[in-house]
Amino acid sequence: MKRRITPRRSGSVTAEPRRPAAAIGKTTRAEQLRRQLADEILRRGLPPGASLDETEIATRFNVSRTPVREALRQLAASGLVESRPHRGAVVAQPSFERLTGMFEAMAELEAMCAGFAAERMSPLERRDLEAIHEELRMLSHDGNPERFHDVNERFHNAIYAGSHNDYIADLALATRVRVQPFRRAQFRNLGRLATSHAEHDRVVVAIMRGDRAGAALAMRRHIELVRNEYEIYAVSI
C-alpha cells in the first residue's frame, strides 16, 4: 500500500503513519558484540594495536565466527578496528579528521531530518515523539546510561521517520551506526543524561511549533555537543 501525501496550503505535507525505513528492530548478536568490543576499546581494555582474532573472540563470547566478523566490519567502519589483508584485524584509533568528518555528517543529516519533521510529522507521530521524550526525562534521573541510550535511539528514529524522506533517514541511520560507539560513551559523563534531555527538549519544542529552521539548528547544536562530550569522556579515561 503506497503512502499518501497531501500538500497543505502552507507547503508542508501530511502522511499516513507507517513503519519508518530507519527503524531498528531487535538487537542482533553482531550488534551486541560490536557494543561490547567498542566499550572495551574506548575504555582502553583493548589498546591500539591489540590483535583481534576471530576465533578467540568467538570462543570468548560463545558464538560462531559470523557475528564476530560482522561486528569487526562495523567497528572498522567506525575507525576502531583496522582490517589487514591476510594478517587479521587490530584495534585502531580513529584520526581527528575521521572523527570530525563523521560527526559533521551526522550533525547535518540529523538537522535535515529534524527540519523536515517539524513540517511533516503527523499528529500521531508528534504524540509518539513527546512520549519518548517524557520517557527519557524520567530515565535522566535514574542514572542508567545503557537504558537511556536505547531509548535515545528510539527518539532519533522517530525524528528520522517523521522527516518522511526515506533516503535521508537511511543515510542518517547508516552514519549513526558508525558514530554510535562514541555517542554511547559520552552518556557516562557525570550529569550528561540530564543535559542531553535538555538539548532534546529544544528540538522537540521546535518540531511541535512547526519551526523547521529552529528544529534543524537545535539538532545540529545537539550533535555538536555530543561530540564535545565524547572528547571530555576520552580525556577522562
Protein backbone atom coordinates (compact mmCIF):
# COMPACT_ATOMS: atom_id res chain seq x y z
CA MET A 1 0.00 0.00 0.00
CA LYS A 2 1.51 3.31 -1.09
CA ARG A 3 1.87 6.20 1.31
CA ARG A 4 -0.49 9.06 0.52
CA ILE A 5 0.94 12.55 0.76
CA THR A 6 -1.41 15.53 0.66
CA PRO A 7 0.01 19.04 0.24
CA ARG A 8 -1.22 21.72 2.65
CA ARG A 9 -1.63 25.37 1.81
CA SER A 10 1.38 26.13 3.98
CA GLY A 11 3.52 23.92 1.79
CA SER A 12 4.01 21.18 4.40
CA VAL A 13 2.84 17.61 3.94
CA THR A 14 0.99 15.04 5.94
CA ALA A 15 1.28 11.31 5.54
CA GLU A 16 -0.31 8.17 6.78
CA PRO A 17 1.50 6.60 9.72
CA ARG A 18 3.96 4.00 8.52
CA ARG A 19 6.81 1.92 9.78
CA PRO A 20 9.97 4.06 9.45
CA ALA A 21 12.59 2.84 7.00
CA ALA A 22 15.23 3.66 9.59
CA ALA A 23 13.65 1.70 12.43
CA ILE A 24 15.90 -0.63 14.39
CA GLY A 25 14.48 -3.99 15.36
CA LYS A 26 15.69 -6.49 17.91
CA THR A 27 19.38 -6.21 18.72
CA THR A 28 21.35 -8.84 16.83
CA ARG A 29 24.25 -10.83 18.27
CA ALA A 30 26.62 -8.95 15.99
CA GLU A 31 25.31 -5.66 17.38
CA GLN A 32 25.74 -6.88 20.95
CA LEU A 33 29.31 -7.91 20.17
CA ARG A 34 30.00 -4.59 18.49
CA ARG A 35 28.83 -2.72 21.59
CA GLN A 36 30.88 -4.88 23.94
CA LEU A 37 34.06 -4.67 21.88
CA ALA A 38 33.60 -0.94 21.28
CA ASP A 39 33.27 -0.36 25.03
CA GLU A 40 36.46 -2.30 25.70
CA ILE A 41 38.33 -0.35 23.03
CA LEU A 42 37.11 3.05 24.20
CA ARG A 43 37.86 2.19 27.83
CA ARG A 44 41.39 1.09 26.80
CA GLY A 45 40.72 -2.50 27.82
CA LEU A 46 41.82 -3.30 24.28
CA PRO A 47 44.63 -0.84 23.46
CA PRO A 48 45.53 0.35 19.94
CA GLY A 49 47.45 -2.33 18.09
CA ALA A 50 45.93 -5.23 20.04
CA SER A 51 45.16 -8.24 17.86
CA LEU A 52 41.51 -9.18 17.33
CA ASP A 53 41.43 -12.86 16.42
CA GLU A 54 38.01 -14.00 15.19
CA THR A 55 38.35 -17.50 16.64
CA GLU A 56 39.43 -16.24 20.06
CA ILE A 57 36.57 -13.72 20.20
CA ALA A 58 34.03 -16.34 19.09
CA THR A 59 35.23 -18.70 21.81
CA ARG A 60 35.19 -15.97 24.44
CA PHE A 61 31.60 -14.95 23.71
CA ASN A 62 30.41 -18.45 22.81
CA VAL A 63 29.23 -17.53 19.31
CA SER A 64 30.08 -18.51 15.76
CA ARG A 65 32.59 -16.50 13.74
CA THR A 66 29.83 -14.99 11.59
CA PRO A 67 28.60 -12.36 14.11
CA VAL A 68 32.22 -11.72 15.12
CA ARG A 69 33.14 -10.97 11.53
CA GLU A 70 30.17 -8.62 11.15
CA ALA A 71 30.95 -6.84 14.44
CA LEU A 72 34.55 -6.27 13.35
CA ARG A 73 33.38 -4.98 9.98
CA GLN A 74 31.13 -2.43 11.69
CA LEU A 75 33.89 -1.39 14.07
CA ALA A 76 36.21 -0.89 11.11
CA ALA A 77 33.62 1.48 9.61
CA SER A 78 33.76 3.48 12.86
CA GLY A 79 37.56 3.62 12.71
CA LEU A 80 38.02 1.50 15.84
CA VAL A 81 39.38 -1.54 14.02
CA GLU A 82 41.86 -1.87 11.18
CA SER A 83 41.47 -4.90 8.94
CA ARG A 84 44.76 -6.02 7.40
CA PRO A 85 44.66 -8.40 4.41
CA HIS A 86 45.95 -11.87 5.36
CA ARG A 87 47.01 -10.55 8.78
CA GLY A 88 43.73 -10.25 10.66
CA ALA A 89 42.31 -7.25 12.49
CA VAL A 90 43.81 -4.99 15.15
CA VAL A 91 42.45 -2.26 17.40
CA ALA A 92 42.81 1.17 15.83
CA GLN A 93 42.25 4.74 16.94
CA PRO A 94 40.24 6.95 14.58
CA SER A 95 42.08 10.05 13.48
CA PHE A 96 40.88 13.50 14.47
CA GLU A 97 39.94 14.14 10.84
CA ARG A 98 37.89 10.94 10.56
CA LEU A 99 36.02 11.54 13.80
CA THR A 100 35.36 15.16 12.87
CA GLY A 101 34.07 14.11 9.46
CA MET A 102 31.67 11.54 10.92
CA PHE A 103 30.24 13.98 13.45
CA GLU A 104 29.92 16.76 10.86
CA ALA A 105 27.97 14.44 8.56
CA MET A 106 25.85 13.24 11.48
CA ALA A 107 25.02 16.80 12.51
CA GLU A 108 23.89 17.84 9.03
CA LEU A 109 21.87 14.68 8.34
CA GLU A 110 20.07 14.83 11.68
CA ALA A 111 19.46 18.56 11.25
CA MET A 112 17.77 17.88 7.91
CA CYS A 113 15.62 15.15 9.46
CA ALA A 114 14.58 17.41 12.33
CA GLY A 115 13.76 20.28 9.98
CA PHE A 116 11.59 18.11 7.74
CA ALA A 117 9.97 16.50 10.80
CA ALA A 118 8.90 19.95 12.03
CA GLU A 119 6.94 20.41 8.81
CA ARG A 120 5.81 16.87 8.07
CA MET A 121 5.16 14.92 11.27
CA SER A 122 1.57 13.76 11.68
CA PRO A 123 -0.27 14.44 14.96
CA LEU A 124 0.22 10.80 15.95
CA GLU A 125 3.95 10.95 15.25
CA ARG A 126 4.24 14.12 17.31
CA ARG A 127 2.48 12.48 20.25
CA ASP A 128 4.78 9.46 19.98
CA LEU A 129 7.84 11.73 19.98
CA GLU A 130 6.60 13.55 23.07
CA ALA A 131 6.01 10.21 24.82
CA ILE A 132 9.57 9.06 24.10
CA HIS A 133 10.88 12.44 25.23
CA GLU A 134 9.00 12.07 28.51
CA GLU A 135 10.41 8.55 28.97
CA LEU A 136 13.91 9.98 28.53
CA ARG A 137 13.13 12.66 31.11
CA MET A 138 12.35 10.01 33.69
CA LEU A 139 15.40 7.95 32.72
CA SER A 140 17.63 11.01 33.04
CA HIS A 141 17.04 10.80 36.81
CA ASP A 142 17.76 7.05 37.03
CA GLY A 143 21.45 7.26 36.14
CA ASN A 144 21.37 4.26 33.78
CA PRO A 145 23.29 5.28 30.63
CA GLU A 146 22.66 1.98 28.83
CA ARG A 147 18.89 2.21 29.17
CA PHE A 148 18.98 5.91 28.30
CA HIS A 149 20.98 5.10 25.17
CA ASP A 150 18.44 2.51 23.99
CA VAL A 151 15.50 4.91 24.37
CA ASN A 152 17.60 7.68 22.84
CA GLU A 153 17.88 5.51 19.72
CA ARG A 154 14.08 5.42 19.56
CA PHE A 155 13.94 9.21 19.95
CA HIS A 156 16.20 9.81 16.97
CA ASN A 157 14.48 7.08 14.93
CA ALA A 158 11.15 8.82 15.49
CA ILE A 159 12.59 12.03 14.05
CA TYR A 160 14.10 10.21 11.08
CA ALA A 161 10.71 8.61 10.35
CA GLY A 162 8.94 11.94 10.88
CA SER A 163 11.04 13.53 8.16
CA HIS A 164 9.10 11.42 5.63
CA ASN A 165 12.21 11.22 3.48
CA ASP A 166 13.34 7.59 3.47
CA TYR A 167 16.56 8.33 1.61
CA ILE A 168 17.83 10.88 4.12
CA ALA A 169 16.57 8.74 7.01
CA ASP A 170 18.56 5.76 5.75
CA LEU A 171 21.69 7.90 5.34
CA ALA A 172 21.26 9.25 8.86
CA LEU A 173 20.89 5.77 10.32
CA ALA A 174 23.89 4.42 8.43
CA THR A 175 26.02 7.29 9.69
CA ARG A 176 24.73 6.91 13.23
CA VAL A 177 25.79 3.26 13.26
CA ARG A 178 29.35 4.42 12.61
CA VAL A 179 29.21 7.16 15.24
CA GLN A 180 27.28 5.09 17.78
CA PRO A 181 30.25 3.88 19.89
CA PHE A 182 31.24 7.47 20.62
CA ARG A 183 27.65 8.60 21.23
CA ARG A 184 27.14 5.77 23.73
CA ALA A 185 30.38 6.51 25.57
CA GLN A 186 29.55 10.17 26.27
CA PHE A 187 26.45 9.17 28.26
CA ARG A 188 28.81 8.01 31.03
CA ASN A 189 29.86 11.60 31.76
CA LEU A 190 28.53 12.94 35.05
CA GLY A 191 25.28 14.82 34.51
CA ARG A 192 25.19 14.04 30.79
CA LEU A 193 21.78 12.34 30.78
CA ALA A 194 20.07 15.45 32.10
CA THR A 195 21.86 17.82 29.71
CA SER A 196 21.14 15.53 26.76
CA HIS A 197 17.45 15.61 27.64
CA ALA A 198 17.55 19.40 27.83
CA GLU A 199 19.10 19.52 24.34
CA HIS A 200 16.38 17.18 23.09
CA ASP A 201 13.78 19.48 24.61
CA ARG A 202 14.84 22.34 22.34
CA VAL A 203 14.47 20.05 19.33
CA VAL A 204 11.05 18.81 20.42
CA VAL A 205 9.72 22.30 21.13
CA ALA A 206 10.78 23.49 17.66
CA ILE A 207 9.23 20.44 16.00
CA MET A 208 5.94 20.92 17.85
CA ARG A 209 5.87 24.55 16.71
CA GLY A 210 6.48 23.54 13.11
CA ASP A 211 9.69 25.59 13.17
CA ARG A 212 11.87 23.96 10.52
CA ALA A 213 14.87 26.25 10.91
CA GLY A 214 14.71 26.12 14.70
CA ALA A 215 14.48 22.34 14.78
CA ALA A 216 17.43 21.96 12.42
CA LEU A 217 19.52 24.43 14.42
CA ALA A 218 18.69 22.75 17.74
CA MET A 219 19.53 19.30 16.39
CA ARG A 220 22.78 20.44 14.81
CA ARG A 221 23.82 22.04 18.09
CA HIS A 222 22.86 18.86 19.97
CA ILE A 223 25.17 16.71 17.83
CA GLU A 224 27.98 19.24 18.20
CA LEU A 225 27.61 18.99 21.97
CA VAL A 226 27.61 15.18 21.75
CA ARG A 227 30.99 15.45 20.03
CA ASN A 228 32.26 17.76 22.78
CA GLU A 229 31.02 15.39 25.48
CA TYR A 230 32.76 12.45 23.84
CA GLU A 231 36.05 14.38 23.85
CA ILE A 232 35.59 15.04 27.58
CA TYR A 233 34.97 11.33 28.14
CA ALA A 234 38.01 10.32 26.06
CA VAL A 235 40.29 12.58 28.11
CA SER A 236 38.90 11.31 31.42
CA ILE A 237 39.66 7.60 30.93
